[in-house]
Amino acid sequence: MIKIGFHVSIAGGISNAPRYAAQQGYSAFQFFPSSSRSWSTKRVSTTESTEFSKISKEAELIPFAHVP
């Protein structure tokens, strides 16, 4: 099966990425885990990470992290 998706924003928290992708009916999505304009990164909380994984699995989404 071909997986189709698009780049999605993590605005408001990383768990919003799979939530938005699921709402749009994607089967995959790409996101920047941090700003693509900076090498600095922000630590993702365990709660946020767990929510990201839970939503991705429930919606059968394949996430792709794009790093600079």
C-alpha atoms as a PDB file:
ATOM      1  CA  MET A   1       0.000   0.000   0.000  1.00  0.00           C
ATOM      2  CA  ILE A   2       1.312   3.432  -0.902  1.00  0.00           C
ATOM      3  CA  LYS A   3       1.578   5.861   1.989  1.00  0.00           C
ATOM      4  CA  ILE A   4       0.580   9.453   1.211  1.00  0.00           C
ATOM      5  CA  GLY A   5       1.279  12.425   3.424  1.00  0.00           C
ATOM      6  CA  PHE A   6       2.533  15.959   3.683  1.00  0.00           C
ATOM      7  CA  HIS A   7       4.655  18.172   5.889  1.00  0.00           C
ATOM      8  CA  VAL A   8       2.724  19.224   9.000  1.00  0.00           C
ATOM      9  CA  SER A   9       3.380  21.814  11.693  1.00  0.00           C
ATOM     10  CA  ILE A  10       4.200  21.062  15.331  1.00  0.00           C
ATOM     11  CA  ALA A  11       2.841  24.443  16.453  1.00  0.00           C
ATOM     12  CA  GLY A  12       1.325  24.082  19.899  1.00  0.00           C
ATOM     13  CA  GLY A  13       3.213  20.858  20.625  1.00  0.00           C
ATOM     14  CA  ILE A  14       4.652  17.901  18.769  1.00  0.00           C
ATOM     15  CA  SER A  15       1.531  15.782  19.388  1.00  0.00           C
ATOM     16  CA  ASN A  16      -0.434  18.171  17.182  1.00  0.00           C
ATOM     17  CA  ALA A  17       1.405  16.840  14.109  1.00  0.00           C
ATOM     18  CA  PRO A  18      -0.171  13.344  14.047  1.00  0.00           C
ATOM     19  CA  ARG A  19      -3.488  14.771  15.220  1.00  0.00           C
ATOM     20  CA  TYR A  20      -3.609  17.122  12.215  1.00  0.00           C
ATOM     21  CA  ALA A  21      -2.394  14.408   9.815  1.00  0.00           C
ATOM     22  CA  ALA A  22      -5.143  12.057  11.006  1.00  0.00           C
ATOM     23  CA  GLN A  23      -7.796  14.762  10.611  1.00  0.00           C
ATOM     24  CA  GLN A  24      -6.650  15.319   7.021  1.00  0.00           C
ATOM     25  CA  GLY A  25      -6.765  11.600   6.218  1.00  0.00           C
ATOM     26  CA  TYR A  26      -3.019  11.186   5.609  1.00  0.00           C
ATOM     27  CA  SER A  27      -1.325   7.807   5.994  1.00  0.00           C
ATOM     28  CA  ALA A  28       2.099   9.388   6.615  1.00  0.00           C
ATOM     29  CA  PHE A  29       3.444  12.790   7.599  1.00  0.00           C
ATOM     30  CA  GLN A  30       6.719  14.685   7.836  1.00  0.00           C
ATOM     31  CA  PHE A  31       7.627  17.246  10.476  1.00  0.00           C
ATOM     32  CA  PHE A  32      10.566  19.279  11.729  1.00  0.00           C
ATOM     33  CA  PRO A  33      11.154  18.307  15.394  1.00  0.00           C
ATOM     34  CA  SER A  34      12.669  21.770  15.907  1.00  0.00           C
ATOM     35  CA  SER A  35      13.170  24.970  13.964  1.00  0.00           C
ATOM     36  CA  SER A  36      14.762  24.313  10.600  1.00  0.00           C
ATOM     37  CA  ARG A  37      16.562  27.651  10.937  1.00  0.00           C
ATOM     38  CA  SER A  38      18.506  26.791  14.079  1.00  0.00           C
ATOM     39  CA  TRP A  39      20.654  23.979  15.473  1.00  0.00           C
ATOM     40  CA  SER A  40      19.219  24.494  18.956  1.00  0.00           C
ATOM     41  CA  THR A  41      16.575  22.014  20.034  1.00  0.00           C
ATOM     42  CA  LYS A  42      13.897  21.937  22.697  1.00  0.00           C
ATOM     43  CA  ARG A  43      13.500  18.798  24.793  1.00  0.00           C
ATOM     44  CA  VAL A  44      10.175  17.029  24.230  1.00  0.00           C
ATOM     45  CA  SER A  45       8.440  15.991  27.444  1.00  0.00           C
ATOM     46  CA  THR A  46       7.639  12.350  28.126  1.00  0.00           C
ATOM     47  CA  THR A  47       3.929  13.191  28.140  1.00  0.00           C
ATOM     48  CA  GLU A  48       4.119  14.900  24.750  1.00  0.00           C
ATOM     49  CA  SER A  49       6.186  12.047  23.294  1.00  0.00           C
ATOM     50  CA  THR A  50       3.743   9.433  24.592  1.00  0.00           C
ATOM     51  CA  GLU A  51       0.782  11.342  23.151  1.00  0.00           C
ATOM     52  CA  PHE A  52       2.568  11.650  19.777  1.00  0.00           C
ATOM     53  CA  SER A  53       3.144   7.878  19.675  1.00  0.00           C
ATOM     54  CA  LYS A  54      -0.373   7.040  20.826  1.00  0.00           C
ATOM     55  CA  ILE A  55      -2.073   9.208  18.189  1.00  0.00           C
ATOM     56  CA  SER A  56       0.272   7.978  15.438  1.00  0.00           C
ATOM     57  CA  LYS A  57      -0.410   4.313  16.278  1.00  0.00           C
ATOM     58  CA  GLU A  58      -4.174   4.730  16.671  1.00  0.00           C
ATOM     59  CA  ALA A  59      -4.410   6.476  13.279  1.00  0.00           C
ATOM     60  CA  GLU A  60      -1.929   4.020  11.689  1.00  0.00           C
ATOM     61  CA  LEU A  61       0.283   6.928  10.628  1.00  0.00           C
ATOM     62  CA  ILE A  62       3.931   6.720   9.641  1.00  0.00           C
ATOM     63  CA  PRO A  63       5.853   9.762  10.947  1.00  0.00           C
ATOM     64  CA  PHE A  64       9.055  11.056   9.343  1.00  0.00           C
ATOM     65  CA  ALA A  65      11.221  13.517  11.263  1.00  0.00           C
ATOM     66  CA  HIS A  66      13.127  15.868   8.973  1.00  0.00           C
ATOM     67  CA  VAL A  67      16.231  17.300  10.606  1.00  0.00           C
ATOM     68  CA  PRO A  68      18.381  20.085   9.175  1.00  0.00           C
END
